[in-house]
Structures are given as structure tokens and as C-alpha cells.
Amino acid sequence: DFLCISLVNGFIQLRYNLGDRTIILQSLQQVHVNGNTWHSLNAGRVGNEGYVDLDGINITQKASPGMNALDTHTDFFVGGVSSLNLVNPMAIENEPTGFTGCIRQIVINNRELNLTVSDPKGGANIGDCDGTDCGYTVCKNNGTCQLENSGFSCSCPREWTGTTCEQSIYCSQNMCGSHALCIPQPSSFSYTCACTLGWTGKYCDNKIKFYIAKFVGNSYIKYTDPFYGKRDLQYSRLSLNFTTNQTEGLIAWMGKSEDEDNDFLAIGLANGTLKVVINLGERISVPLMYSKYFTCSDGRWHFVTVVQNQTCIKVYLDEELILFEDIDPERKYTALNYGGICYFGGFEIGRKVNIVTTGLFQKEFFGKIKDVVLFQDSKKIQLMKAEGYNIHDGNSGN
């Protein structure tokens, strides 16, 4: 599989192959090669339907039956590759050659790649296109860069300050401690402190320990499984206890959650009942819903276990088997390649659950979680040793 954007005889060309055939789209107009015109390019695919938009002129390739997931596990290359023989002959029209020109503001699946000296994994023979200290987006948050004798200065919009407009004015006098992030609250002309794991309080200066994690809606825990490389991913298992009085919320997400093609196993609540969704590759299974009158939003502790045996899924609630389904009798994909990442209660600050899960779950979790066990491990995972924010001690009080 591959996806390749190239310049061919002055036209932009998108080629991709999802495993069955190579699809080719080409821009209607040529690019200017005078060396001083910037072009805006949007290109990609949704399933196997492709699109290329050059400076607002769009062409699309309608979807047709066939494969619709891009299975690539290689590095992402910009402007060239480390070795030209890595390039699939079907990915380009002519002999492969590196790009000569300037590239800026690359956004992949809504995430911008920082084209700096330190951020990429590697590279060679790259120069600075702007040629001045201002460079590209040196001033953050729509600040304007002005060249000075000794470098540059930034003129910042009203709500931002700092040498590169990197700091909200609402956080400029913040009292958040060293174990906190300042979160601006423009509507109230104020801020709140988001506490790292193990700290709490208004300014995150109270140290805590917990075995029961309490989530308050803007909380999350991200756990990295140290045994991921040794797991048999065709036989996954996740169990935990939870309690909540809310009818919606994401309890657990086993998977990287970086783009639409990442495998995942998700547990949450919808309309007060348990909802389990699994993606082993290419397409998301139909959500498994426990539709009996029983509600999980009653403020009591509930024990849930999800077992994946290749494409067969079993869900236990309070030690009763409530769901049993074969999500793909054809056994096309049988392993949960979750990348060793597990989220609990939500995702990183600024990433909303309904957007990251594309509407599978509506909001972050309010409630408590304890006794999380992965696979057949003999020990519960230590949530205290993960990373996260705004987690309270669920042992004490409510």
C-alpha cells in the first residue's frame, strides 16, 4: 500500500493503492515554477475516494467497490526519500527524483507537522526557505513578525503575549504550580490549572496518591503498556471497575487514536447503557450495545470485561456474559494492533472525545475507575504511574 503526492510535468499528481489497484488523480492546472509563487494543496482520500485541490480547484475520484484502508507502517517522507529504490514504481509516473523548492505548513489528518531542525525523525540537505529570522510561524497565534537589527519581534493579537505570542494574557500572571498547565478561560477573563497525575488543588500544589481514579470531565489517563511487544494481539482482554451517575462518557480506549486507521477497542456509555466498539483494521465494527433495561449510570460499581478472540468478541458485565458476537466471520483482520496505548476517561487536553471518536462517544467520563487489568496479567496496572491530568483521589469521600 502507498499514498504519494508528486509533481509530474508541471501538474500535481496523487497516486494511492490500498491493496487492489492504483488510483491516479491529476490537477487540472499546472503549478507556477517561477520560484516565488506559493500554492495551496489539499489532497487525500476518504475510504477509497480520492481528492486533489490545488489553489481551490478540486477534482475527485468517486469511490468504487474494493479496499478502503491504507495499511502502511513506514516512515512519512517529505520532499524525497532516504533511498530512491524505496519508491514503489506504481507511485510515480517517471523515474523518482527529489523535490526542489519550498514546502511549509504540512497538516496530516488535522495535525500539523513541525518542519524544524529538531522535530522530524531525520532528513538531509534541507535549507531555510524564508532566509530571515522571521521564518514561517515564528510568531504564534496569528502574531505578526517584524525584522529587527538584532533579530525579530512579534506584534501579538489582543489576547496573546510573550516574545512569540505563545502565552495567553489570561495566563500571564497565573499561580499554577510547577505540576500544572495553565488553561485560559477567555469567557471569564481568567484561567484554571490542569494538574498532572499525582497532584490536585486549585493551583495543583497538593500531592496525592490514589488507587481509585476519579475523573471530573476534563480528565484523562494515558497508559503505555510496557509488555506490548510480547502480547499476542489476536487474544486481547481488558477489564476494569467503574462507577458513574452520567449517561454518556468514554471509559476506556485501547489504541493510539492518532488517525482514522488506528485499531482500537473502546468501552463507554451511551444513553446509560454499556457500549463497546472495536476496529481491527479497515472498518469499525457495528457498535455492540447492551440494550436491556439495566442502566450503568446508577452510581454503583460495575465490573466490565471485554475479551477479543480474533474476531469473536465477548463482553461481561458484573460477571454475566451480556454480548457475544463474531464481528467478521471472514477473518480478514484478527489482531488488535493498539500500539501499546490505553486511554481512560478521555484524551489529551484540547482533544474532544466526540471529535476523536468521530461521534462514537459523546463526552469525557465523569466517575471513578479502578482495578484495570490488561490481557491475563496477574497485576492491576498502576494508574498512578501513567501520564494524565485532572485526576482526583477516588478513595476519599465522593
Protein backbone atom coordinates (compact mmCIF):
# COMPACT_ATOMS: atom_id res chain seq x y z
CA ASP A 1 0.00 0.00 0.00
CA PHE A 2 1.13 3.59 -0.59
CA LEU A 3 -0.02 7.18 -0.95
CA CYS A 4 2.18 9.54 -2.95
CA ILE A 5 1.90 13.19 -3.99
CA SER A 6 4.29 14.25 -6.72
CA LEU A 7 4.97 16.90 -9.35
CA VAL A 8 4.68 15.42 -12.87
CA ASN A 9 5.33 17.54 -15.97
CA GLY A 10 4.21 20.62 -14.04
CA PHE A 11 0.98 19.04 -12.70
CA ILE A 12 0.23 17.81 -9.17
CA GLN A 13 -0.43 14.09 -9.12
CA LEU A 14 -1.89 11.97 -6.32
CA ARG A 15 -1.45 8.21 -6.51
CA TYR A 16 -2.56 5.68 -3.92
CA ASN A 17 -3.02 1.94 -3.68
CA LEU A 18 -4.99 0.36 -0.84
CA GLY A 19 -4.09 -3.16 -1.84
CA ASP A 20 -6.04 -3.86 -5.00
CA ARG A 21 -5.35 -1.19 -7.66
CA THR A 22 -3.52 2.10 -8.14
CA ILE A 23 -5.73 5.20 -8.39
CA ILE A 24 -4.32 8.30 -10.12
CA LEU A 25 -5.66 11.85 -9.87
CA GLN A 26 -4.05 14.88 -11.52
CA SER A 27 -4.62 18.60 -11.06
CA LEU A 28 -6.37 20.44 -13.89
CA GLN A 29 -3.83 23.28 -13.91
CA GLN A 30 -0.05 23.38 -13.81
CA VAL A 31 1.90 24.92 -10.94
CA HIS A 32 3.96 28.09 -11.41
CA VAL A 33 7.66 27.23 -11.49
CA ASN A 34 8.92 30.80 -11.20
CA GLY A 35 10.14 30.08 -7.65
CA ASN A 36 8.19 32.88 -5.94
CA THR A 37 4.53 31.71 -6.03
CA TRP A 38 3.12 29.75 -3.09
CA HIS A 39 0.48 27.13 -3.89
CA SER A 40 -2.09 25.63 -1.54
CA LEU A 41 -2.60 21.90 -1.95
CA ASN A 42 -5.16 19.65 -0.28
CA ALA A 43 -5.01 16.00 -1.27
CA GLY A 44 -6.02 12.72 0.27
CA ARG A 45 -8.66 10.05 0.46
CA VAL A 46 -11.79 9.09 2.38
CA GLY A 47 -12.04 5.32 2.11
CA ASN A 48 -11.03 4.73 -1.50
CA GLU A 49 -12.47 8.03 -2.76
CA GLY A 50 -9.62 10.42 -3.56
CA TYR A 51 -9.41 14.19 -3.99
CA VAL A 52 -6.89 16.79 -5.13
CA ASP A 53 -7.48 20.50 -4.59
CA LEU A 54 -4.84 22.87 -5.97
CA ASP A 55 -5.45 26.53 -5.15
CA GLY A 56 -9.18 25.91 -4.76
CA ILE A 57 -9.70 23.91 -7.96
CA ASN A 58 -10.88 20.46 -6.93
CA ILE A 59 -11.05 17.08 -8.65
CA THR A 60 -12.30 13.88 -7.03
CA GLN A 61 -12.27 10.19 -7.83
CA LYS A 62 -15.58 8.62 -6.83
CA ALA A 63 -15.49 5.58 -4.59
CA SER A 64 -15.88 2.17 -6.14
CA PRO A 65 -16.07 -1.32 -4.61
CA GLY A 66 -12.80 -2.55 -3.19
CA MET A 67 -10.41 -1.99 -0.33
CA ASN A 68 -10.70 1.25 1.63
CA ALA A 69 -7.90 1.31 4.22
CA LEU A 70 -4.26 2.39 3.82
CA ASP A 71 -2.07 -0.22 5.54
CA THR A 72 1.34 1.40 5.78
CA HIS A 73 3.79 1.03 8.63
CA THR A 74 6.68 3.05 7.22
CA ASP A 75 8.08 6.48 7.97
CA PHE A 76 6.45 9.52 6.35
CA PHE A 77 8.73 11.20 3.82
CA VAL A 78 8.55 14.81 2.57
CA GLY A 79 10.43 16.12 -0.46
CA GLY A 80 12.34 12.91 -1.12
CA VAL A 81 13.22 9.55 0.38
CA SER A 82 16.33 8.18 2.02
CA SER A 83 16.81 5.77 -0.87
CA LEU A 84 15.09 6.11 -4.24
CA ASN A 85 14.68 2.35 -4.57
CA LEU A 86 12.20 2.51 -1.68
CA VAL A 87 9.67 4.13 -4.02
CA ASN A 88 7.06 1.78 -5.43
CA PRO A 89 7.29 2.02 -9.28
CA MET A 90 3.49 2.48 -9.39
CA ALA A 91 3.66 5.50 -7.05
CA ILE A 92 5.13 7.88 -9.67
CA GLU A 93 4.89 8.36 -13.41
CA ASN A 94 8.56 8.99 -14.21
CA GLU A 95 11.85 7.99 -12.62
CA PRO A 96 11.90 9.03 -8.93
CA THR A 97 13.70 12.26 -8.16
CA GLY A 98 13.75 14.50 -5.10
CA PHE A 99 11.71 17.71 -4.92
CA THR A 100 13.41 21.08 -5.45
CA GLY A 101 11.50 24.01 -3.96
CA CYS A 102 9.90 25.13 -0.71
CA ILE A 103 7.31 23.38 1.45
CA ARG A 104 5.57 24.80 4.50
CA GLN A 105 2.57 24.08 6.74
CA ILE A 106 2.11 20.34 6.28
CA VAL A 107 -1.03 19.08 8.01
CA ILE A 108 -1.68 15.33 8.19
CA ASN A 109 -5.10 14.25 9.49
CA ASN A 110 -5.62 17.65 11.14
CA ARG A 111 -2.21 17.56 12.87
CA GLU A 112 0.48 20.00 11.74
CA LEU A 113 4.00 18.65 11.26
CA ASN A 114 6.69 20.98 12.60
CA LEU A 115 9.23 21.48 9.83
CA THR A 116 12.05 22.38 12.19
CA VAL A 117 15.59 21.14 12.77
CA SER A 118 14.63 19.09 15.82
CA ASP A 119 11.10 17.75 15.23
CA PRO A 120 11.46 15.40 12.24
CA LYS A 121 12.94 11.94 12.73
CA GLY A 122 15.63 12.62 10.15
CA GLY A 123 16.49 14.26 6.84
CA ALA A 124 19.28 15.62 4.67
CA ASN A 125 20.18 18.68 2.57
CA ILE A 126 17.40 20.94 3.84
CA GLY A 127 17.77 24.72 3.84
CA ASP A 128 15.74 27.63 5.18
CA CYS A 129 13.32 28.92 2.53
CA ASP A 130 12.38 32.18 4.20
CA GLY A 131 16.01 33.24 4.71
CA THR A 132 15.18 35.67 7.55
CA ASP A 133 14.79 35.43 11.30
CA CYS A 134 11.04 35.71 10.88
CA GLY A 135 10.78 32.38 9.10
CA TYR A 136 7.40 30.65 8.99
CA THR A 137 5.03 30.96 12.00
CA VAL A 138 7.78 32.15 14.32
CA CYS A 139 5.04 34.30 15.88
CA LYS A 140 2.30 32.03 17.22
CA ASN A 141 -1.46 32.63 17.37
CA ASN A 142 -1.61 34.93 14.31
CA GLY A 143 1.08 37.28 15.59
CA THR A 144 2.88 39.48 13.04
CA CYS A 145 6.66 39.23 12.70
CA GLN A 146 8.86 42.29 12.20
CA LEU A 147 12.56 42.13 11.40
CA GLU A 148 14.83 44.00 13.80
CA ASN A 149 18.57 44.71 13.73
CA SER A 150 19.13 42.06 16.38
CA GLY A 151 16.64 39.52 15.05
CA PHE A 152 12.86 39.85 15.11
CA SER A 153 9.93 40.96 17.24
CA CYS A 154 6.29 39.84 17.32
CA SER A 155 3.25 42.06 17.35
CA CYS A 156 0.61 39.98 19.15
CA PRO A 157 -3.19 39.90 18.90
CA ARG A 158 -5.12 41.27 21.88
CA GLU A 159 -5.40 38.01 23.86
CA TRP A 160 -1.78 36.85 23.47
CA THR A 161 1.58 37.95 24.86
CA GLY A 162 5.19 36.76 25.15
CA THR A 163 8.17 37.07 22.79
CA THR A 164 6.48 34.82 20.21
CA CYS A 165 2.82 35.40 21.26
CA GLU A 166 2.90 31.96 22.82
CA GLN A 167 1.20 32.85 26.10
CA SER A 168 -2.43 33.75 26.75
CA ILE A 169 -2.83 37.07 28.58
CA TYR A 170 -5.16 35.22 30.97
CA CYS A 171 -2.23 33.00 31.99
CA SER A 172 0.45 35.69 32.12
CA GLN A 173 0.01 36.20 35.88
CA ASN A 174 -1.08 32.65 36.68
CA MET A 175 -0.38 30.98 40.01
CA CYS A 176 -0.41 27.39 38.72
CA GLY A 177 2.40 25.40 40.30
CA SER A 178 5.17 23.50 38.54
CA HIS A 179 2.95 20.41 38.30
CA ALA A 180 0.28 22.18 36.27
CA LEU A 181 -0.73 23.61 32.93
CA CYS A 182 -2.48 26.96 32.76
CA ILE A 183 -5.70 26.71 30.72
CA PRO A 184 -7.02 30.14 29.64
CA GLN A 185 -10.73 30.84 30.17
CA PRO A 186 -11.41 33.84 27.89
CA SER A 187 -15.16 33.91 28.63
CA SER A 188 -14.48 34.69 32.29
CA PHE A 189 -11.21 36.62 31.69
CA SER A 190 -9.49 34.08 33.92
CA TYR A 191 -7.75 30.70 33.90
CA THR A 192 -7.81 27.27 35.51
CA CYS A 193 -4.92 24.99 36.44
CA ALA A 194 -4.81 21.50 34.96
CA CYS A 195 -2.96 19.24 37.39
CA THR A 196 -0.58 16.49 36.32
CA LEU A 197 -1.08 13.00 37.72
CA GLY A 198 -0.46 12.85 41.46
CA TRP A 199 -1.29 16.50 42.16
CA THR A 200 -4.52 18.30 42.96
CA GLY A 201 -5.88 21.57 44.34
CA LYS A 202 -6.75 24.91 42.78
CA TYR A 203 -3.08 25.55 41.93
CA CYS A 204 -2.05 21.86 41.80
CA ASP A 205 0.17 22.10 44.86
CA ASN A 206 -1.35 19.24 46.89
CA LYS A 207 0.38 15.86 46.38
CA ILE A 208 -1.90 12.82 46.34
CA LYS A 209 -1.76 9.07 45.87
CA PHE A 210 -4.69 7.08 44.54
CA TYR A 211 -5.75 3.56 43.69
CA ILE A 212 -9.20 4.63 42.56
CA ALA A 213 -9.04 7.32 39.88
CA LYS A 214 -11.77 9.95 39.94
CA PHE A 215 -12.50 11.69 36.61
CA VAL A 216 -14.22 15.07 36.54
CA GLY A 217 -14.89 15.53 32.82
CA ASN A 218 -11.70 17.33 31.75
CA SER A 219 -9.57 14.43 33.00
CA TYR A 220 -7.67 11.65 31.26
CA ILE A 221 -5.06 8.99 31.88
CA LYS A 222 -2.77 7.74 29.11
CA TYR A 223 -1.09 4.44 29.95
CA THR A 224 1.73 2.92 27.88
CA ASP A 225 1.79 -0.87 28.09
CA PRO A 226 5.40 -1.97 28.77
CA PHE A 227 4.62 -5.53 27.62
CA TYR A 228 3.07 -4.56 24.26
CA GLY A 229 5.88 -6.15 22.23
CA LYS A 230 5.24 -9.54 23.87
CA ARG A 231 1.45 -9.55 23.59
CA ASP A 232 -0.48 -11.96 21.37
CA LEU A 233 -2.70 -9.34 19.72
CA GLN A 234 -5.19 -11.91 18.43
CA TYR A 235 -6.32 -12.56 22.01
CA SER A 236 -6.79 -9.24 23.80
CA ARG A 237 -8.54 -8.61 27.09
CA LEU A 238 -9.41 -5.52 29.14
CA SER A 239 -11.25 -5.49 32.46
CA LEU A 240 -11.99 -2.74 34.98
CA ASN A 241 -14.45 -1.49 37.59
CA PHE A 242 -16.29 1.81 37.12
CA THR A 243 -18.98 3.86 38.75
CA THR A 244 -20.82 6.91 37.40
CA ASN A 245 -24.16 8.70 37.53
CA GLN A 246 -23.78 10.11 33.98
CA THR A 247 -25.50 8.54 30.96
CA GLU A 248 -22.71 9.39 28.43
CA GLY A 249 -18.94 9.03 28.59
CA LEU A 250 -15.82 7.30 27.27
CA ILE A 251 -14.48 4.90 29.91
CA ALA A 252 -11.54 3.29 28.08
CA TRP A 253 -9.92 3.45 24.63
CA MET A 254 -7.28 0.83 23.83
CA GLY A 255 -5.46 2.24 20.80
CA LYS A 256 -3.34 5.14 19.58
CA SER A 257 -6.21 7.44 18.47
CA GLU A 258 -3.93 9.34 16.07
CA ASP A 259 -5.82 8.80 12.83
CA GLU A 260 -8.84 7.02 11.38
CA ASP A 261 -6.96 3.82 10.52
CA ASN A 262 -5.69 3.06 14.04
CA ASP A 263 -7.02 -0.17 15.58
CA PHE A 264 -8.91 0.27 18.83
CA LEU A 265 -11.11 -1.33 21.45
CA ALA A 266 -13.40 1.16 23.19
CA ILE A 267 -15.70 0.93 26.20
CA GLY A 268 -18.13 3.66 27.18
CA LEU A 269 -21.66 4.66 27.98
CA ALA A 270 -24.44 5.78 25.64
CA ASN A 271 -27.91 6.55 26.96
CA GLY A 272 -26.93 4.97 30.26
CA THR A 273 -26.10 1.58 28.76
CA LEU A 274 -22.78 -0.08 28.01
CA LYS A 275 -21.34 0.45 24.51
CA VAL A 276 -18.35 -1.46 23.11
CA VAL A 277 -16.77 -0.64 19.72
CA ILE A 278 -13.86 -2.46 18.07
CA ASN A 279 -11.78 -1.77 14.96
CA LEU A 280 -9.31 -4.48 13.92
CA GLY A 281 -8.50 -2.81 10.61
CA GLU A 282 -10.18 -1.22 7.61
CA ARG A 283 -13.60 -0.68 9.13
CA ILE A 284 -15.17 -0.16 12.51
CA SER A 285 -17.42 -2.97 13.70
CA VAL A 286 -21.05 -2.20 14.40
CA PRO A 287 -21.13 -0.89 17.99
CA LEU A 288 -22.15 -3.60 20.45
CA MET A 289 -24.86 -2.16 22.70
CA TYR A 290 -26.28 -3.74 25.83
CA SER A 291 -29.87 -2.72 25.24
CA LYS A 292 -31.66 -4.28 28.21
CA TYR A 293 -33.49 -2.02 30.68
CA PHE A 294 -30.49 -2.23 33.03
CA THR A 295 -28.63 1.06 33.41
CA CYS A 296 -24.93 1.53 34.23
CA SER A 297 -25.48 5.13 35.39
CA ASP A 298 -26.81 4.29 38.85
CA GLY A 299 -23.80 5.37 40.92
CA ARG A 300 -22.92 1.77 41.80
CA TRP A 301 -19.71 -0.08 40.99
CA HIS A 302 -19.85 -2.23 37.85
CA PHE A 303 -17.28 -4.74 36.62
CA VAL A 304 -16.79 -4.93 32.85
CA THR A 305 -14.57 -7.29 30.86
CA VAL A 306 -14.11 -7.30 27.08
CA VAL A 307 -12.43 -10.34 25.52
CA GLN A 308 -11.30 -10.41 21.88
CA ASN A 309 -10.56 -13.87 20.48
CA GLN A 310 -9.57 -12.99 16.90
CA THR A 311 -12.89 -11.68 15.50
CA CYS A 312 -15.10 -13.06 18.29
CA ILE A 313 -15.96 -10.53 20.98
CA LYS A 314 -17.33 -11.34 24.43
CA VAL A 315 -18.48 -8.67 26.87
CA TYR A 316 -19.13 -9.45 30.54
CA LEU A 317 -20.93 -7.02 32.84
CA ASP A 318 -20.87 -7.82 36.56
CA GLU A 319 -19.58 -11.29 35.61
CA GLU A 320 -22.58 -12.03 33.37
CA LEU A 321 -21.99 -12.61 29.64
CA ILE A 322 -24.12 -9.90 28.02
CA LEU A 323 -22.74 -9.74 24.48
CA PHE A 324 -21.16 -12.36 22.22
CA GLU A 325 -20.59 -11.60 18.56
CA ASP A 326 -18.36 -12.51 15.64
CA ILE A 327 -17.63 -9.09 14.10
CA ASP A 328 -16.08 -10.50 10.91
CA PRO A 329 -16.80 -14.16 10.05
CA GLU A 330 -14.42 -13.83 7.06
CA ARG A 331 -11.49 -13.33 9.49
CA LYS A 332 -9.90 -10.61 7.33
CA TYR A 333 -8.30 -8.87 10.31
CA THR A 334 -7.81 -10.77 13.55
CA ALA A 335 -5.33 -8.74 15.65
CA LEU A 336 -5.86 -5.65 17.79
CA ASN A 337 -2.79 -3.55 16.91
CA TYR A 338 -3.39 -0.99 19.65
CA GLY A 339 0.17 0.35 19.73
CA GLY A 340 0.57 -0.27 23.45
CA ILE A 341 -1.54 2.81 24.30
CA CYS A 342 -4.60 2.87 26.58
CA TYR A 343 -6.63 5.99 27.38
CA PHE A 344 -9.03 6.21 30.31
CA GLY A 345 -11.74 8.82 30.72
CA GLY A 346 -10.81 10.91 27.68
CA PHE A 347 -7.91 12.15 25.57
CA GLU A 348 -5.21 14.81 25.85
CA ILE A 349 -6.22 18.35 26.85
CA GLY A 350 -7.82 20.11 23.89
CA ARG A 351 -8.86 16.86 22.16
CA LYS A 352 -12.61 16.39 22.50
CA VAL A 353 -14.00 12.86 22.80
CA ASN A 354 -16.78 13.33 20.25
CA ILE A 355 -14.27 14.54 17.64
CA VAL A 356 -11.50 11.97 18.29
CA THR A 357 -14.01 9.09 18.31
CA THR A 358 -15.94 10.57 15.33
CA GLY A 359 -19.15 10.58 17.31
CA LEU A 360 -18.93 7.04 18.71
CA PHE A 361 -18.88 8.57 22.19
CA GLN A 362 -20.24 11.98 23.07
CA LYS A 363 -18.20 13.21 26.03
CA GLU A 364 -15.49 12.65 28.60
CA PHE A 365 -16.09 10.35 31.57
CA PHE A 366 -17.39 11.61 34.92
CA GLY A 367 -16.92 9.00 37.62
CA LYS A 368 -14.39 6.56 39.06
CA ILE A 369 -12.29 3.73 37.62
CA LYS A 370 -10.27 1.09 39.49
CA ASP A 371 -8.77 -2.40 39.11
CA VAL A 372 -7.71 -2.14 35.45
CA VAL A 373 -6.20 -5.38 34.11
CA LEU A 374 -4.79 -5.95 30.62
CA PHE A 375 -4.77 -9.36 28.96
CA GLN A 376 -4.22 -12.15 31.54
CA ASP A 377 -1.79 -10.13 33.66
CA SER A 378 -1.61 -11.12 37.32
CA LYS A 379 -1.27 -7.49 38.44
CA LYS A 380 -3.54 -4.48 38.01
CA ILE A 381 -1.93 -1.63 36.12
CA GLN A 382 -0.71 1.24 38.29
CA LEU A 383 -2.67 4.23 37.05
CA MET A 384 -0.55 6.50 39.28
CA LYS A 385 2.49 5.72 37.10
CA ALA A 386 0.85 6.72 33.82
CA GLU A 387 0.53 10.25 32.44
CA GLY A 388 -2.57 12.39 32.64
CA TYR A 389 -4.29 15.46 34.02
CA ASN A 390 -7.01 16.40 36.49
CA ILE A 391 -7.29 13.02 38.21
CA HIS A 392 -8.57 13.09 41.78
CA ASP A 393 -8.27 10.54 44.58
CA GLY A 394 -11.38 8.37 44.35
CA ASN A 395 -10.70 6.71 47.71
CA SER A 396 -11.65 9.73 49.76
CA GLY A 397 -15.27 10.83 50.00
CA ASN A 398 -17.25 11.26 46.80
